Amino acid sequence: MREVSSLAVKGDTCLIKTSLVQGSSPVLLPPHFCALRGECEVREMTKLEDHLEGIINIFHHYSIRVGHYDTLKKCELSQLITKELPNALKNTKDQPSIDKIFQDLDADKDAQITFEEFIVLVSRVLQTAHEAIHQE
């Protein structure tokens, strides 16, 4: 359960700072919690919204370690895959496999993975999991 600790309206965006009732540190919720007229409205996150926020948080957990805070270097992607997707991807500790995944995701070949490029991996993993569920 989340508890609202502060509200801030900036133009058409409403930032709602919350904390978990159990006392963990505050988080900022996405602006879809607010009316565009600047009136703040707090709604419970749906299960899907909660999972989407989780994907964003995991990306940021690894992206802030090296280089630009909002992109993944190869070592950060490797750590993310090894720790967060060990059951979904094969050969997560095999460097040639990580190199291939990195090359495939790095669409603009700038040696870093943006969130948009990362979503391609998430989409592929989800598609594979969906297909596997139907084969069971």
C-alpha atoms as a PDB file:
ATOM      1  CA  MET A   1       0.000   0.000   0.000  1.00  0.00           C
ATOM      2  CA  ARG A   2       1.314   3.474  -0.879  1.00  0.00           C
ATOM      3  CA  GLU A   3       0.939   6.566   1.200  1.00  0.00           C
ATOM      4  CA  VAL A   4       1.041  10.035  -0.403  1.00  0.00           C
ATOM      5  CA  SER A   5       3.648  12.256   1.232  1.00  0.00           C
ATOM      6  CA  SER A   6       3.500  15.291  -1.101  1.00  0.00           C
ATOM      7  CA  LEU A   7       1.941  16.623  -4.297  1.00  0.00           C
ATOM      8  CA  ALA A   8       3.538  19.056  -6.748  1.00  0.00           C
ATOM      9  CA  VAL A   9       2.024  20.510  -9.913  1.00  0.00           C
ATOM     10  CA  LYS A  10       4.391  21.713 -12.632  1.00  0.00           C
ATOM     11  CA  GLY A  11       2.504  22.923 -15.696  1.00  0.00           C
ATOM     12  CA  ASP A  12       0.467  20.016 -16.991  1.00  0.00           C
ATOM     13  CA  THR A  13       2.397  17.489 -14.917  1.00  0.00           C
ATOM     14  CA  CYS A  14       1.555  16.402 -11.414  1.00  0.00           C
ATOM     15  CA  LEU A  15       4.242  14.696  -9.370  1.00  0.00           C
ATOM     16  CA  ILE A  16       2.981  12.595  -6.531  1.00  0.00           C
ATOM     17  CA  LYS A  17       5.641  11.595  -4.051  1.00  0.00           C
ATOM     18  CA  THR A  18       4.688   8.471  -2.195  1.00  0.00           C
ATOM     19  CA  SER A  19       6.206   6.020   0.198  1.00  0.00           C
ATOM     20  CA  LEU A  20       5.291   2.490   1.033  1.00  0.00           C
ATOM     21  CA  VAL A  21       3.422   2.164   4.291  1.00  0.00           C
ATOM     22  CA  GLN A  22       6.052  -0.282   5.548  1.00  0.00           C
ATOM     23  CA  GLY A  23       8.487   2.643   5.645  1.00  0.00           C
ATOM     24  CA  SER A  24      10.586   2.187   2.530  1.00  0.00           C
ATOM     25  CA  SER A  25      11.947   5.215   0.738  1.00  0.00           C
ATOM     26  CA  PRO A  26       9.668   7.534  -1.286  1.00  0.00           C
ATOM     27  CA  VAL A  27       9.150   7.072  -5.032  1.00  0.00           C
ATOM     28  CA  LEU A  28       7.790   9.351  -7.743  1.00  0.00           C
ATOM     29  CA  LEU A  29       4.794   7.999  -9.573  1.00  0.00           C
ATOM     30  CA  PRO A  30       4.292   8.653 -13.295  1.00  0.00           C
ATOM     31  CA  PRO A  31       2.157  11.630 -14.350  1.00  0.00           C
ATOM     32  CA  HIS A  32      -0.759   9.458 -15.537  1.00  0.00           C
ATOM     33  CA  PHE A  33      -2.013   9.747 -11.968  1.00  0.00           C
ATOM     34  CA  CYS A  34      -3.035  13.345 -12.578  1.00  0.00           C
ATOM     35  CA  ALA A  35      -5.617  15.244 -14.546  1.00  0.00           C
ATOM     36  CA  LEU A  36      -4.103  17.395 -17.296  1.00  0.00           C
ATOM     37  CA  ARG A  37      -5.791  20.489 -15.883  1.00  0.00           C
ATOM     38  CA  GLY A  38      -3.326  20.522 -13.008  1.00  0.00           C
ATOM     39  CA  GLU A  39      -5.671  18.942 -10.482  1.00  0.00           C
ATOM     40  CA  CYS A  40      -3.979  16.059  -8.729  1.00  0.00           C
ATOM     41  CA  GLU A  41      -5.848  12.822  -8.420  1.00  0.00           C
ATOM     42  CA  VAL A  42      -4.358   9.790  -6.727  1.00  0.00           C
ATOM     43  CA  ARG A  43      -5.534   6.426  -7.976  1.00  0.00           C
ATOM     44  CA  GLU A  44      -4.410   2.936  -7.099  1.00  0.00           C
ATOM     45  CA  MET A  45      -1.984   1.488  -9.621  1.00  0.00           C
ATOM     46  CA  THR A  46      -3.368  -1.462 -11.518  1.00  0.00           C
ATOM     47  CA  LYS A  47      -1.406  -4.679 -11.543  1.00  0.00           C
ATOM     48  CA  LEU A  48      -0.173  -3.966 -15.075  1.00  0.00           C
ATOM     49  CA  GLU A  49       0.848  -0.395 -14.195  1.00  0.00           C
ATOM     50  CA  ASP A  50       2.738  -1.709 -11.187  1.00  0.00           C
ATOM     51  CA  HIS A  51       4.613  -4.204 -13.374  1.00  0.00           C
ATOM     52  CA  LEU A  52       5.403  -1.517 -15.960  1.00  0.00           C
ATOM     53  CA  GLU A  53       6.789   0.720 -13.226  1.00  0.00           C
ATOM     54  CA  GLY A  54       8.856  -2.259 -12.067  1.00  0.00           C
ATOM     55  CA  ILE A  55      10.438  -2.634 -15.516  1.00  0.00           C
ATOM     56  CA  ILE A  56      11.343   1.069 -15.517  1.00  0.00           C
ATOM     57  CA  ASN A  57      12.783   0.840 -12.001  1.00  0.00           C
ATOM     58  CA  ILE A  58      14.896  -2.207 -12.889  1.00  0.00           C
ATOM     59  CA  PHE A  59      16.267  -0.423 -15.966  1.00  0.00           C
ATOM     60  CA  HIS A  60      17.193   2.602 -13.833  1.00  0.00           C
ATOM     61  CA  HIS A  61      18.676   0.405 -11.098  1.00  0.00           C
ATOM     62  CA  TYR A  62      21.319  -0.733 -13.603  1.00  0.00           C
ATOM     63  CA  SER A  63      21.565   2.345 -15.873  1.00  0.00           C
ATOM     64  CA  ILE A  64      22.821   4.686 -13.146  1.00  0.00           C
ATOM     65  CA  ARG A  65      25.993   2.694 -12.483  1.00  0.00           C
ATOM     66  CA  VAL A  66      28.315   3.623 -15.377  1.00  0.00           C
ATOM     67  CA  GLY A  67      28.307   6.475 -17.895  1.00  0.00           C
ATOM     68  CA  HIS A  68      25.056   8.253 -18.675  1.00  0.00           C
ATOM     69  CA  TYR A  69      22.443   7.707 -15.968  1.00  0.00           C
ATOM     70  CA  ASP A  70      19.691   6.773 -18.439  1.00  0.00           C
ATOM     71  CA  THR A  71      21.496   4.289 -20.693  1.00  0.00           C
ATOM     72  CA  LEU A  72      23.039   0.869 -20.212  1.00  0.00           C
ATOM     73  CA  LYS A  73      26.651   0.115 -21.054  1.00  0.00           C
ATOM     74  CA  LYS A  74      27.472  -3.477 -21.980  1.00  0.00           C
ATOM     75  CA  CYS A  75      28.606  -4.324 -18.428  1.00  0.00           C
ATOM     76  CA  GLU A  76      25.349  -2.922 -16.999  1.00  0.00           C
ATOM     77  CA  LEU A  77      23.235  -4.863 -19.501  1.00  0.00           C
ATOM     78  CA  SER A  78      25.224  -7.985 -18.676  1.00  0.00           C
ATOM     79  CA  GLN A  79      24.534  -7.537 -14.944  1.00  0.00           C
ATOM     80  CA  LEU A  80      20.843  -6.858 -15.596  1.00  0.00           C
ATOM     81  CA  ILE A  81      20.454  -9.955 -17.771  1.00  0.00           C
ATOM     82  CA  THR A  82      22.429 -12.179 -15.381  1.00  0.00           C
ATOM     83  CA  LYS A  83      20.564 -11.073 -12.259  1.00  0.00           C
ATOM     84  CA  GLU A  84      17.078 -10.249 -13.568  1.00  0.00           C
ATOM     85  CA  LEU A  85      16.549 -12.691 -16.452  1.00  0.00           C
ATOM     86  CA  PRO A  86      18.438 -15.894 -15.565  1.00  0.00           C
ATOM     87  CA  ASN A  87      15.382 -18.096 -16.194  1.00  0.00           C
ATOM     88  CA  ALA A  88      14.084 -16.245 -19.246  1.00  0.00           C
ATOM     89  CA  LEU A  89      17.303 -16.128 -21.284  1.00  0.00           C
ATOM     90  CA  LYS A  90      19.717 -18.961 -21.929  1.00  0.00           C
ATOM     91  CA  ASN A  91      23.473 -18.524 -21.579  1.00  0.00           C
ATOM     92  CA  THR A  92      23.194 -15.394 -19.436  1.00  0.00           C
ATOM     93  CA  LYS A  93      26.759 -15.876 -18.181  1.00  0.00           C
ATOM     94  CA  ASP A  94      28.184 -16.536 -21.645  1.00  0.00           C
ATOM     95  CA  GLN A  95      29.970 -13.364 -22.835  1.00  0.00           C
ATOM     96  CA  PRO A  96      29.520 -14.048 -26.587  1.00  0.00           C
ATOM     97  CA  SER A  97      25.764 -14.373 -25.987  1.00  0.00           C
ATOM     98  CA  ILE A  98      25.701 -11.067 -24.065  1.00  0.00           C
ATOM     99  CA  ASP A  99      27.742  -9.416 -26.841  1.00  0.00           C
ATOM    100  CA  LYS A 100      25.241 -10.626 -29.459  1.00  0.00           C
ATOM    101  CA  ILE A 101      22.255  -9.386 -27.443  1.00  0.00           C
ATOM    102  CA  PHE A 102      23.977  -6.017 -26.955  1.00  0.00           C
ATOM    103  CA  GLN A 103      24.747  -5.678 -30.679  1.00  0.00           C
ATOM    104  CA  ASP A 104      21.167  -6.582 -31.599  1.00  0.00           C
ATOM    105  CA  LEU A 105      19.688  -4.058 -29.173  1.00  0.00           C
ATOM    106  CA  ASP A 106      22.069  -1.164 -29.909  1.00  0.00           C
ATOM    107  CA  ALA A 107      20.140   0.089 -32.950  1.00  0.00           C
ATOM    108  CA  ASP A 108      22.096   3.341 -33.321  1.00  0.00           C
ATOM    109  CA  LYS A 109      25.470   1.646 -32.636  1.00  0.00           C
ATOM    110  CA  ASP A 110      26.509   4.178 -29.972  1.00  0.00           C
ATOM    111  CA  ALA A 111      27.752   1.480 -27.540  1.00  0.00           C
ATOM    112  CA  GLN A 112      24.928   2.077 -25.072  1.00  0.00           C
ATOM    113  CA  ILE A 113      21.356   0.875 -24.721  1.00  0.00           C
ATOM    114  CA  THR A 114      18.606   3.461 -24.296  1.00  0.00           C
ATOM    115  CA  PHE A 115      15.341   2.624 -22.590  1.00  0.00           C
ATOM    116  CA  GLU A 116      13.673   2.433 -26.010  1.00  0.00           C
ATOM    117  CA  GLU A 117      16.275  -0.104 -27.147  1.00  0.00           C
ATOM    118  CA  PHE A 118      15.912  -2.033 -23.872  1.00  0.00           C
ATOM    119  CA  ILE A 119      12.162  -2.355 -24.449  1.00  0.00           C
ATOM    120  CA  VAL A 120      12.958  -4.444 -27.533  1.00  0.00           C
ATOM    121  CA  LEU A 121      14.555  -7.032 -25.225  1.00  0.00           C
ATOM    122  CA  VAL A 122      11.603  -6.886 -22.834  1.00  0.00           C
ATOM    123  CA  SER A 123       9.215  -7.353 -25.748  1.00  0.00           C
ATOM    124  CA  ARG A 124      11.146 -10.362 -27.074  1.00  0.00           C
ATOM    125  CA  VAL A 125      11.260 -11.992 -23.635  1.00  0.00           C
ATOM    126  CA  LEU A 126       7.531 -11.401 -23.148  1.00  0.00           C
ATOM    127  CA  GLN A 127       6.719 -12.822 -26.580  1.00  0.00           C
ATOM    128  CA  THR A 128       8.793 -15.939 -25.890  1.00  0.00           C
ATOM    129  CA  ALA A 129       7.152 -16.395 -22.472  1.00  0.00           C
ATOM    130  CA  HIS A 130       3.704 -15.958 -24.018  1.00  0.00           C
ATOM    131  CA  GLU A 131       4.429 -18.606 -26.649  1.00  0.00           C
ATOM    132  CA  ALA A 132       5.795 -20.978 -23.985  1.00  0.00           C
ATOM    133  CA  ILE A 133       2.628 -20.630 -21.911  1.00  0.00           C
ATOM    134  CA  HIS A 134       0.523 -21.738 -24.882  1.00  0.00           C
ATOM    135  CA  GLN A 135       2.748 -24.750 -25.489  1.00  0.00           C
ATOM    136  CA  GLU A 136       2.322 -26.081 -21.941  1.00  0.00           C
END
